[in-house]
Amino acid sequence: MEQQAPSLAVILLSEDLEKLHAGALVGSVASMSGMTVNVFVTMNALKSFRKDSFESTDFITGTIGKEMLAKKIPLFDSLLQEGKDMGELNIYGCALAMDIMDWQEEDMIDVFDGVIGVTKFLGMTQGATVITM
């Protein structure tokens, strides 16, 4: 019997820049290390993935986040894209939260692999290690 690669599910719910960055970093490194990674962006985290919020760097930040922006450190989008480029990392927006806010996938920065519901995400990530940020 062939052994399946370990998998990780990252659920991003906070719009705090530090939490978004940490979740993206963990997901990206896991992907580059050979794990299958699925990221689910939901609730307040979705706002930070909107093109208008992202381009204006309209993030909630703490001390580290302020320094990241001041020093122009590559943000969570770059980390997620690196994970996609160098491993198996997929990013999904939450259909329910996007419906509530009347947002479309076109309103978001170009990292999503689709917009799905919680049920589909849970089905895709059965048996995965789950982290929530």
Protein backbone atom coordinates (compact mmCIF):
# COMPACT_ATOMS: atom_id res chain seq x y z
CA MET A 1 0.00 0.00 0.00
CA GLU A 2 1.35 3.40 -1.03
CA GLN A 3 1.77 5.84 1.84
CA GLN A 4 0.14 9.23 1.39
CA ALA A 5 2.20 12.39 1.92
CA PRO A 6 1.38 14.20 5.17
CA SER A 7 -1.07 17.05 4.76
CA LEU A 8 -1.76 20.33 6.50
CA ALA A 9 -4.90 22.46 6.60
CA VAL A 10 -4.40 26.12 7.47
CA ILE A 11 -7.50 28.12 8.36
CA LEU A 12 -6.96 31.87 8.25
CA LEU A 13 -9.69 33.82 10.07
CA SER A 14 -7.97 36.85 11.53
CA GLU A 15 -7.19 40.03 9.64
CA ASP A 16 -4.13 40.64 11.87
CA LEU A 17 -1.13 40.93 9.57
CA GLU A 18 1.09 38.92 11.91
CA LYS A 19 -1.36 35.99 11.97
CA LEU A 20 -1.79 36.07 8.19
CA HIS A 21 1.97 36.13 7.74
CA ALA A 22 2.56 33.32 10.25
CA GLY A 23 -0.11 31.13 8.63
CA ALA A 24 1.30 31.78 5.18
CA LEU A 25 4.84 31.06 6.39
CA VAL A 26 3.88 27.75 8.02
CA GLY A 27 1.86 26.72 4.96
CA SER A 28 4.59 27.70 2.53
CA VAL A 29 7.38 25.91 4.42
CA ALA A 30 5.19 22.80 4.83
CA SER A 31 4.47 22.79 1.10
CA MET A 32 8.15 23.18 0.22
CA SER A 33 8.90 20.31 2.62
CA GLY A 34 6.69 17.92 0.67
CA MET A 35 3.40 18.25 2.53
CA THR A 36 0.10 18.81 0.76
CA VAL A 37 -1.25 22.12 2.07
CA ASN A 38 -4.76 23.53 1.76
CA VAL A 39 -5.42 27.05 3.04
CA PHE A 40 -8.96 28.22 3.80
CA VAL A 41 -9.40 32.00 4.07
CA THR A 42 -12.55 32.92 5.96
CA MET A 43 -14.25 35.55 8.10
CA ASN A 44 -12.18 38.70 8.76
CA ALA A 45 -9.08 37.33 7.03
CA LEU A 46 -10.85 37.68 3.68
CA LYS A 47 -10.75 41.48 3.95
CA SER A 48 -6.95 41.44 3.80
CA PHE A 49 -7.10 39.44 0.56
CA ARG A 50 -9.26 42.05 -1.17
CA LYS A 51 -7.30 43.90 -3.84
CA ASP A 52 -8.24 47.33 -2.47
CA SER A 53 -7.28 46.46 1.13
CA PHE A 54 -4.08 44.71 0.09
CA GLU A 55 -2.88 47.48 -2.22
CA SER A 56 -3.51 50.14 0.42
CA THR A 57 -1.87 47.92 3.09
CA ASP A 58 -5.03 48.37 5.15
CA PHE A 59 -4.06 45.76 7.75
CA ILE A 60 -4.48 45.46 11.49
CA THR A 61 -0.92 45.36 12.82
CA GLY A 62 0.98 44.97 16.03
CA THR A 63 4.61 45.87 16.60
CA ILE A 64 6.02 43.24 14.23
CA GLY A 65 3.46 44.00 11.51
CA LYS A 66 4.29 47.71 11.61
CA GLU A 67 7.99 46.90 11.19
CA MET A 68 7.24 44.48 8.35
CA LEU A 69 5.39 47.21 6.47
CA ALA A 70 8.02 49.86 7.25
CA LYS A 71 10.83 47.57 6.06
CA LYS A 72 8.81 46.43 3.03
CA ILE A 73 9.12 42.75 3.99
CA PRO A 74 7.37 40.54 1.37
CA LEU A 75 3.85 39.91 2.67
CA PHE A 76 1.69 36.82 3.02
CA ASP A 77 0.77 36.79 -0.68
CA SER A 78 4.43 36.27 -1.64
CA LEU A 79 4.83 33.45 0.88
CA LEU A 80 1.71 31.71 -0.38
CA GLN A 81 2.80 32.09 -4.00
CA GLU A 82 6.22 30.60 -3.18
CA GLY A 83 4.49 27.64 -1.55
CA LYS A 84 2.36 27.18 -4.69
CA ASP A 85 5.40 27.46 -6.97
CA MET A 86 7.63 25.09 -5.01
CA GLY A 87 5.17 22.55 -3.64
CA GLU A 88 1.54 21.56 -3.41
CA LEU A 89 -0.34 24.46 -1.82
CA ASN A 90 -3.92 25.42 -2.63
CA ILE A 91 -5.79 28.47 -1.34
CA TYR A 92 -9.56 28.75 -1.11
CA GLY A 93 -11.86 31.58 -0.14
CA CYS A 94 -14.88 30.86 2.05
CA ALA A 95 -18.08 30.94 -0.01
CA LEU A 96 -20.32 31.86 2.94
CA ALA A 97 -18.24 34.82 4.13
CA MET A 98 -17.85 36.10 0.57
CA ASP A 99 -21.60 35.83 0.00
CA ILE A 100 -22.32 37.72 3.22
CA MET A 101 -20.05 40.56 2.09
CA ASP A 102 -21.15 40.45 -1.59
CA TRP A 103 -17.53 39.91 -2.65
CA GLN A 104 -16.50 38.06 -5.80
CA GLU A 105 -13.31 36.12 -6.48
CA GLU A 106 -12.32 38.92 -8.90
CA ASP A 107 -12.26 41.32 -5.92
CA MET A 108 -9.44 39.30 -4.36
CA ILE A 109 -5.69 39.25 -4.95
CA ASP A 110 -4.72 36.58 -7.45
CA VAL A 111 -3.78 33.68 -5.17
CA PHE A 112 -7.07 31.79 -4.80
CA ASP A 113 -7.63 28.43 -6.44
CA GLY A 114 -11.35 28.87 -5.97
CA VAL A 115 -14.13 29.75 -3.57
CA ILE A 116 -15.61 26.79 -1.69
CA GLY A 117 -17.77 25.99 1.30
CA VAL A 118 -16.70 24.57 4.64
CA THR A 119 -18.11 21.13 3.81
CA LYS A 120 -15.97 20.82 0.69
CA PHE A 121 -12.88 22.07 2.52
CA LEU A 122 -13.38 19.55 5.33
CA GLY A 123 -13.82 16.77 2.78
CA MET A 124 -10.57 17.75 1.05
CA THR A 125 -8.59 17.92 4.27
CA GLN A 126 -9.77 14.80 6.07
CA GLY A 127 -6.90 13.39 8.12
CA ALA A 128 -4.80 16.55 7.79
CA THR A 129 -3.16 18.37 10.66
CA VAL A 130 -5.17 21.58 11.18
CA ILE A 131 -3.88 24.94 12.35
CA THR A 132 -5.99 28.06 12.76
CA MET A 133 -4.69 31.62 12.69
